[in-house]
């Protein structure tokens, strides 16, 4: 919600604000079956947009 509501302009700035490593976040969510969509500004299930 913070990205889609434009409280943060990028996933990088959101991660920086919450002191999270963006690569670890993406890797953990990928293991759970999600990838980040820059266009939608959200994590979506792998294959959802295909």
Protein backbone atom coordinates (compact mmCIF):
# COMPACT_ATOMS: atom_id res chain seq x y z
CA UNK A 1 0.00 0.00 0.00
CA UNK A 2 2.83 2.42 0.74
CA UNK A 3 4.13 2.18 -2.83
CA UNK A 4 0.78 2.12 -4.62
CA UNK A 5 -0.45 5.07 -2.53
CA UNK A 6 2.75 6.92 -3.54
CA UNK A 7 3.96 7.43 0.01
CA UNK A 8 7.28 6.12 -1.36
CA UNK A 9 8.40 6.59 -4.94
CA UNK A 10 10.29 3.29 -5.24
CA UNK A 11 10.81 -0.08 -3.60
CA UNK A 12 14.39 1.01 -2.93
CA UNK A 13 13.29 4.06 -0.92
CA UNK A 14 10.76 1.98 1.01
CA UNK A 15 13.41 -0.58 1.93
CA UNK A 16 15.85 2.16 2.90
CA UNK A 17 13.27 3.77 5.19
CA UNK A 18 12.58 0.48 6.99
CA UNK A 19 16.26 -0.57 6.98
CA UNK A 20 15.60 -3.65 4.85
CA UNK A 21 17.87 -5.15 2.21
CA UNK A 22 16.02 -5.03 -1.12
CA UNK A 23 17.82 -8.07 -2.54
CA UNK A 24 16.97 -10.19 0.51
CA UNK A 25 13.36 -9.03 0.38
CA UNK A 26 13.04 -9.91 -3.30
CA UNK A 27 14.76 -13.28 -2.76
CA UNK A 28 12.52 -14.20 0.19
CA UNK A 29 9.36 -13.28 -1.68
CA UNK A 30 10.56 -15.09 -4.81
CA UNK A 31 10.94 -18.25 -2.72
CA UNK A 32 7.34 -17.71 -1.61
CA UNK A 33 6.22 -17.39 -5.24
CA UNK A 34 6.15 -13.62 -5.76
CA UNK A 35 8.02 -11.14 -7.96
CA UNK A 36 8.02 -7.34 -7.85
CA UNK A 37 6.17 -5.53 -10.64
CA UNK A 38 7.61 -2.05 -11.24
CA UNK A 39 4.57 -1.18 -13.35
CA UNK A 40 2.03 -2.16 -10.67
CA UNK A 41 4.33 -1.17 -7.78
CA UNK A 42 3.51 -4.36 -5.91
CA UNK A 43 4.60 -7.95 -5.42
CA UNK A 44 2.54 -10.28 -7.58
CA UNK A 45 2.39 -14.07 -7.90
CA UNK A 46 4.94 -15.46 -10.36
CA UNK A 47 3.25 -15.81 -13.75
CA UNK A 48 0.30 -13.57 -12.86
CA UNK A 49 1.04 -11.07 -15.62
CA UNK A 50 1.75 -13.61 -18.36
